[in-house]
N, C-alpha and C. Protein backbone atom coordinates (compact mmCIF):
# COMPACT_ATOMS: atom_id res chain seq x y z
N MET A 1 88.44 -62.64 -37.73
CA MET A 1 89.40 -62.22 -36.74
C MET A 1 88.88 -60.94 -36.06
N SER A 2 89.13 -60.87 -34.80
CA SER A 2 88.66 -59.73 -34.00
C SER A 2 89.85 -58.97 -33.44
N GLY A 3 89.65 -57.68 -33.19
CA GLY A 3 90.70 -56.86 -32.62
C GLY A 3 90.96 -57.22 -31.16
N VAL A 4 92.23 -57.20 -30.77
CA VAL A 4 92.62 -57.47 -29.39
C VAL A 4 92.52 -56.18 -28.59
N LEU A 5 91.92 -56.26 -27.40
CA LEU A 5 91.79 -55.08 -26.54
C LEU A 5 93.11 -54.81 -25.82
N THR A 6 93.46 -53.54 -25.70
CA THR A 6 94.67 -53.11 -25.01
C THR A 6 94.32 -52.01 -24.00
N LYS A 7 95.31 -51.58 -23.24
CA LYS A 7 95.10 -50.46 -22.32
C LYS A 7 94.65 -49.20 -23.06
N GLY A 8 94.93 -49.11 -24.35
CA GLY A 8 94.52 -47.96 -25.14
C GLY A 8 93.14 -48.11 -25.75
N SER A 9 92.49 -49.24 -25.55
CA SER A 9 91.15 -49.48 -26.09
C SER A 9 90.10 -48.74 -25.29
N ARG A 10 88.95 -48.54 -25.90
CA ARG A 10 87.82 -47.94 -25.20
C ARG A 10 87.01 -49.07 -24.58
N VAL A 11 86.93 -49.08 -23.25
CA VAL A 11 86.11 -50.05 -22.51
C VAL A 11 85.23 -49.22 -21.58
N ALA A 12 83.92 -49.34 -21.75
CA ALA A 12 83.00 -48.50 -20.98
C ALA A 12 81.70 -49.24 -20.74
N CYS A 13 80.87 -48.69 -19.84
CA CYS A 13 79.51 -49.20 -19.73
C CYS A 13 78.74 -48.67 -20.94
N SER A 14 77.60 -49.24 -21.19
CA SER A 14 76.82 -48.81 -22.35
C SER A 14 76.28 -47.40 -22.22
N HIS A 15 76.52 -46.76 -21.07
CA HIS A 15 76.12 -45.36 -20.84
C HIS A 15 77.33 -44.44 -20.86
N THR A 16 78.41 -44.87 -21.45
CA THR A 16 79.66 -44.11 -21.67
C THR A 16 80.57 -43.93 -20.47
N GLY A 17 80.28 -44.58 -19.35
CA GLY A 17 81.18 -44.49 -18.20
C GLY A 17 82.40 -45.37 -18.42
N GLY A 18 83.56 -44.77 -18.51
CA GLY A 18 84.79 -45.50 -18.79
C GLY A 18 85.15 -46.47 -17.67
N VAL A 19 85.66 -47.64 -18.05
CA VAL A 19 86.09 -48.64 -17.08
C VAL A 19 87.56 -48.41 -16.75
N GLN A 20 87.90 -48.43 -15.49
CA GLN A 20 89.28 -48.27 -15.03
C GLN A 20 89.94 -49.64 -15.08
N THR A 21 90.47 -50.00 -16.25
CA THR A 21 91.01 -51.34 -16.47
C THR A 21 92.27 -51.60 -15.66
N GLY A 22 92.55 -52.89 -15.46
CA GLY A 22 93.74 -53.31 -14.75
C GLY A 22 94.99 -53.13 -15.60
N PRO A 23 96.13 -53.65 -15.10
CA PRO A 23 97.41 -53.39 -15.75
C PRO A 23 97.60 -54.08 -17.10
N GLY A 24 96.86 -55.12 -17.38
CA GLY A 24 97.03 -55.83 -18.64
C GLY A 24 98.20 -56.79 -18.60
N GLY A 25 98.34 -57.55 -19.68
CA GLY A 25 99.43 -58.51 -19.79
C GLY A 25 100.63 -57.86 -20.45
N ALA A 26 101.54 -57.34 -19.65
CA ALA A 26 102.66 -56.54 -20.14
C ALA A 26 103.62 -57.31 -21.04
N LYS A 27 103.54 -58.64 -21.04
CA LYS A 27 104.44 -59.41 -21.90
C LYS A 27 104.06 -59.31 -23.37
N LEU A 28 102.86 -58.83 -23.66
CA LEU A 28 102.42 -58.62 -25.04
C LEU A 28 101.82 -57.23 -25.13
N THR A 29 102.38 -56.41 -26.01
CA THR A 29 101.88 -55.04 -26.18
C THR A 29 101.62 -54.75 -27.64
N VAL A 30 100.75 -53.78 -27.87
CA VAL A 30 100.46 -53.26 -29.20
C VAL A 30 100.63 -51.75 -29.09
N LYS A 31 101.56 -51.22 -29.85
CA LYS A 31 101.86 -49.79 -29.78
C LYS A 31 102.12 -49.35 -28.35
N ARG A 32 102.90 -50.15 -27.63
CA ARG A 32 103.30 -49.91 -26.24
C ARG A 32 102.15 -49.95 -25.24
N GLN A 33 101.03 -50.53 -25.63
CA GLN A 33 99.88 -50.69 -24.74
C GLN A 33 99.70 -52.17 -24.44
N ALA A 34 99.71 -52.54 -23.15
CA ALA A 34 99.53 -53.93 -22.75
C ALA A 34 98.16 -54.45 -23.17
N VAL A 35 98.09 -55.71 -23.58
CA VAL A 35 96.81 -56.31 -23.94
C VAL A 35 96.01 -56.58 -22.67
N LEU A 36 94.69 -56.61 -22.81
CA LEU A 36 93.81 -56.83 -21.67
C LEU A 36 93.32 -58.27 -21.62
N ARG A 37 93.11 -58.75 -20.40
CA ARG A 37 92.52 -60.05 -20.14
C ARG A 37 91.25 -59.82 -19.32
N ALA A 38 90.42 -60.82 -19.17
CA ALA A 38 89.14 -60.65 -18.46
C ALA A 38 89.34 -60.08 -17.06
N ALA A 39 90.39 -60.50 -16.36
CA ALA A 39 90.64 -60.01 -15.01
C ALA A 39 91.00 -58.53 -14.98
N ASP A 40 91.39 -57.98 -16.12
CA ASP A 40 91.70 -56.55 -16.19
C ASP A 40 90.44 -55.70 -16.34
N VAL A 41 89.29 -56.37 -16.53
CA VAL A 41 88.01 -55.65 -16.71
C VAL A 41 87.00 -56.04 -15.62
N ALA A 42 86.85 -57.33 -15.37
CA ALA A 42 85.87 -57.80 -14.37
C ALA A 42 86.25 -57.30 -12.98
N GLY A 43 85.26 -56.79 -12.26
CA GLY A 43 85.48 -56.28 -10.91
C GLY A 43 86.05 -54.88 -10.86
N ARG A 44 86.31 -54.28 -11.99
CA ARG A 44 86.90 -52.94 -12.05
C ARG A 44 85.82 -51.86 -11.98
N GLY A 45 86.25 -50.68 -11.57
CA GLY A 45 85.33 -49.56 -11.41
C GLY A 45 84.95 -48.92 -12.73
N VAL A 46 83.75 -48.34 -12.73
CA VAL A 46 83.24 -47.57 -13.86
C VAL A 46 83.16 -46.12 -13.42
N ASP A 47 83.56 -45.21 -14.28
CA ASP A 47 83.49 -43.78 -13.97
C ASP A 47 82.02 -43.38 -13.93
N SER A 48 81.42 -43.45 -12.74
CA SER A 48 79.99 -43.18 -12.62
C SER A 48 79.64 -41.73 -12.93
N ALA A 49 80.60 -40.82 -12.79
CA ALA A 49 80.33 -39.42 -13.14
C ALA A 49 80.10 -39.28 -14.64
N ALA A 50 80.72 -40.14 -15.43
CA ALA A 50 80.55 -40.08 -16.89
C ALA A 50 79.40 -40.96 -17.37
N CYS A 51 78.90 -41.84 -16.50
CA CYS A 51 77.77 -42.71 -16.86
C CYS A 51 76.53 -41.85 -17.02
N THR A 52 75.89 -41.94 -18.18
CA THR A 52 74.74 -41.08 -18.48
C THR A 52 73.40 -41.69 -18.08
N ASN A 53 73.42 -42.86 -17.46
CA ASN A 53 72.16 -43.46 -17.02
C ASN A 53 71.57 -42.59 -15.91
N PRO A 54 70.32 -42.16 -16.05
CA PRO A 54 69.73 -41.30 -15.01
C PRO A 54 69.45 -42.08 -13.73
N VAL A 55 69.68 -41.44 -12.61
CA VAL A 55 69.38 -42.05 -11.32
C VAL A 55 67.92 -41.76 -10.99
N THR A 56 67.16 -42.83 -10.76
CA THR A 56 65.75 -42.70 -10.38
C THR A 56 65.52 -43.61 -9.18
N GLN A 57 64.28 -43.77 -8.81
CA GLN A 57 63.96 -44.67 -7.69
C GLN A 57 64.26 -46.12 -8.05
N THR A 58 64.28 -46.44 -9.33
CA THR A 58 64.47 -47.83 -9.74
C THR A 58 65.77 -48.08 -10.51
N THR A 59 66.52 -47.06 -10.85
CA THR A 59 67.77 -47.25 -11.58
C THR A 59 68.91 -46.51 -10.90
N ARG A 60 70.10 -46.91 -11.22
CA ARG A 60 71.29 -46.27 -10.67
C ARG A 60 72.35 -46.20 -11.75
N LYS A 61 73.38 -45.43 -11.48
CA LYS A 61 74.51 -45.35 -12.41
C LYS A 61 75.36 -46.60 -12.27
N CYS A 62 76.06 -46.95 -13.33
CA CYS A 62 76.99 -48.08 -13.29
C CYS A 62 78.23 -47.66 -12.51
N THR A 63 78.68 -48.52 -11.59
CA THR A 63 79.88 -48.21 -10.82
C THR A 63 80.94 -49.32 -10.88
N THR A 64 80.53 -50.54 -11.23
CA THR A 64 81.46 -51.67 -11.25
C THR A 64 81.09 -52.65 -12.36
N VAL A 65 82.10 -53.22 -13.00
CA VAL A 65 81.88 -54.31 -13.95
C VAL A 65 81.73 -55.59 -13.13
N LEU A 66 80.59 -56.24 -13.23
CA LEU A 66 80.36 -57.46 -12.46
C LEU A 66 81.04 -58.67 -13.08
N ALA A 67 80.93 -58.80 -14.41
CA ALA A 67 81.49 -59.98 -15.07
C ALA A 67 81.76 -59.71 -16.53
N VAL A 68 82.74 -60.40 -17.06
CA VAL A 68 82.98 -60.44 -18.50
C VAL A 68 82.37 -61.76 -18.96
N THR A 69 81.36 -61.70 -19.82
CA THR A 69 80.60 -62.89 -20.19
C THR A 69 80.95 -63.44 -21.57
N ALA A 70 81.73 -62.71 -22.34
CA ALA A 70 82.13 -63.18 -23.67
C ALA A 70 83.36 -62.41 -24.11
N GLY A 71 84.06 -62.96 -25.10
CA GLY A 71 85.16 -62.22 -25.71
C GLY A 71 86.57 -62.70 -25.48
N PRO A 72 86.81 -63.79 -24.71
CA PRO A 72 88.21 -64.22 -24.59
C PRO A 72 88.66 -64.91 -25.88
N ALA A 73 89.90 -64.67 -26.24
CA ALA A 73 90.46 -65.32 -27.43
C ALA A 73 90.60 -66.82 -27.18
N THR A 74 90.48 -67.60 -28.24
CA THR A 74 90.66 -69.05 -28.11
C THR A 74 92.06 -69.48 -28.52
N ARG A 75 92.81 -68.57 -29.17
CA ARG A 75 94.13 -68.95 -29.67
C ARG A 75 95.27 -68.02 -29.28
N LEU A 76 94.99 -66.99 -28.51
CA LEU A 76 96.04 -66.06 -28.12
C LEU A 76 95.97 -65.83 -26.61
N THR A 77 97.07 -66.14 -25.92
CA THR A 77 97.11 -65.99 -24.47
C THR A 77 98.35 -65.22 -24.04
N VAL A 78 98.29 -64.69 -22.83
CA VAL A 78 99.45 -64.08 -22.17
C VAL A 78 99.52 -64.74 -20.80
N GLY A 79 100.62 -65.42 -20.52
CA GLY A 79 100.74 -66.15 -19.27
C GLY A 79 99.68 -67.23 -19.15
N ASN A 80 99.35 -67.88 -20.24
CA ASN A 80 98.32 -68.93 -20.31
C ASN A 80 96.92 -68.44 -20.00
N VAL A 81 96.70 -67.14 -20.10
CA VAL A 81 95.37 -66.54 -19.88
C VAL A 81 94.94 -65.89 -21.19
N PRO A 82 93.74 -66.21 -21.69
CA PRO A 82 93.29 -65.62 -22.95
C PRO A 82 93.21 -64.09 -22.90
N VAL A 83 93.59 -63.45 -23.98
CA VAL A 83 93.43 -62.00 -24.09
C VAL A 83 91.98 -61.72 -24.45
N LEU A 84 91.54 -60.48 -24.24
CA LEU A 84 90.16 -60.10 -24.59
C LEU A 84 90.11 -59.52 -25.99
N LEU A 85 89.04 -59.85 -26.68
CA LEU A 85 88.82 -59.36 -28.04
C LEU A 85 87.73 -58.30 -28.05
N ASP A 86 87.61 -57.62 -29.20
CA ASP A 86 86.58 -56.58 -29.30
C ASP A 86 85.17 -57.15 -29.42
N THR A 87 85.04 -58.45 -29.23
CA THR A 87 83.73 -59.10 -29.13
C THR A 87 83.32 -59.25 -27.67
N ALA A 88 84.11 -58.70 -26.76
CA ALA A 88 83.85 -58.84 -25.33
C ALA A 88 82.49 -58.27 -24.96
N ALA A 89 81.85 -58.94 -24.03
CA ALA A 89 80.57 -58.50 -23.48
C ALA A 89 80.63 -58.71 -21.98
N GLY A 90 79.78 -57.99 -21.26
CA GLY A 90 79.77 -58.15 -19.82
C GLY A 90 78.62 -57.38 -19.20
N THR A 91 78.54 -57.48 -17.88
CA THR A 91 77.48 -56.82 -17.13
C THR A 91 78.08 -55.88 -16.10
N THR A 92 77.28 -54.89 -15.71
CA THR A 92 77.68 -53.95 -14.66
C THR A 92 76.65 -54.02 -13.53
N ASP A 93 76.94 -53.33 -12.45
CA ASP A 93 76.01 -53.31 -11.32
C ASP A 93 74.85 -52.36 -11.55
N GLY A 94 74.87 -51.60 -12.63
CA GLY A 94 73.73 -50.77 -13.03
C GLY A 94 73.00 -51.52 -14.13
N PRO A 95 72.17 -50.84 -14.89
CA PRO A 95 71.47 -51.52 -15.98
C PRO A 95 72.32 -51.65 -17.24
N GLY A 96 73.58 -51.28 -17.17
CA GLY A 96 74.42 -51.26 -18.37
C GLY A 96 75.13 -52.57 -18.68
N THR A 97 75.62 -52.63 -19.89
CA THR A 97 76.46 -53.72 -20.35
C THR A 97 77.79 -53.12 -20.80
N LEU A 98 78.75 -53.95 -21.16
CA LEU A 98 80.03 -53.43 -21.64
C LEU A 98 79.94 -52.98 -23.08
N ALA A 99 80.62 -51.91 -23.38
CA ALA A 99 80.79 -51.42 -24.75
C ALA A 99 82.29 -51.31 -24.98
N VAL A 100 82.80 -51.97 -26.02
CA VAL A 100 84.25 -51.96 -26.25
C VAL A 100 84.57 -51.58 -27.69
N ASP A 101 85.73 -51.00 -27.85
CA ASP A 101 86.27 -50.67 -29.17
C ASP A 101 87.78 -50.83 -29.06
N ALA A 102 88.35 -51.74 -29.84
CA ALA A 102 89.78 -52.04 -29.73
C ALA A 102 90.65 -50.82 -29.98
N GLN A 103 90.23 -49.92 -30.84
CA GLN A 103 90.98 -48.70 -31.16
C GLN A 103 92.35 -49.02 -31.74
N GLN A 104 92.52 -50.23 -32.24
CA GLN A 104 93.76 -50.59 -32.93
C GLN A 104 93.42 -51.72 -33.91
N THR A 105 94.15 -51.80 -35.01
CA THR A 105 93.92 -52.83 -36.01
C THR A 105 95.18 -53.65 -36.28
N LYS A 106 96.21 -53.42 -35.51
CA LYS A 106 97.49 -54.09 -35.73
C LYS A 106 97.48 -55.56 -35.31
N LEU A 107 96.79 -55.88 -34.20
CA LEU A 107 96.77 -57.25 -33.70
C LEU A 107 95.34 -57.75 -33.64
N LYS A 108 95.11 -58.88 -34.32
CA LYS A 108 93.79 -59.53 -34.32
C LYS A 108 93.98 -60.98 -33.94
N ALA A 109 92.91 -61.59 -33.44
CA ALA A 109 92.98 -62.99 -33.02
C ALA A 109 91.60 -63.63 -33.10
N LYS A 110 91.59 -64.92 -32.91
CA LYS A 110 90.33 -65.69 -32.85
C LYS A 110 90.07 -66.08 -31.42
């Protein structure tokens, strides 16, 4: 079982730039924090000021999550949309990938 991601979870690029997640599925909350779905992460902005990837002629800071490539639950949904688990993975427009930490242990799913 994996931890379910919520608005209180840590979602960032692999260079520590925090992702500005969407509103989440308010019909299901953990400690008053809405659970997250892929649409709450994909296409969202990354705090490029906090992204530690150095800017060079060939690299740039992460600014946007391009896609969530793994991590939707197979058995837990909100509005018929799978919630995201702490196994989530994804890509950014920089050289980074997603780094997540559920930061809660109350709700787990497959």
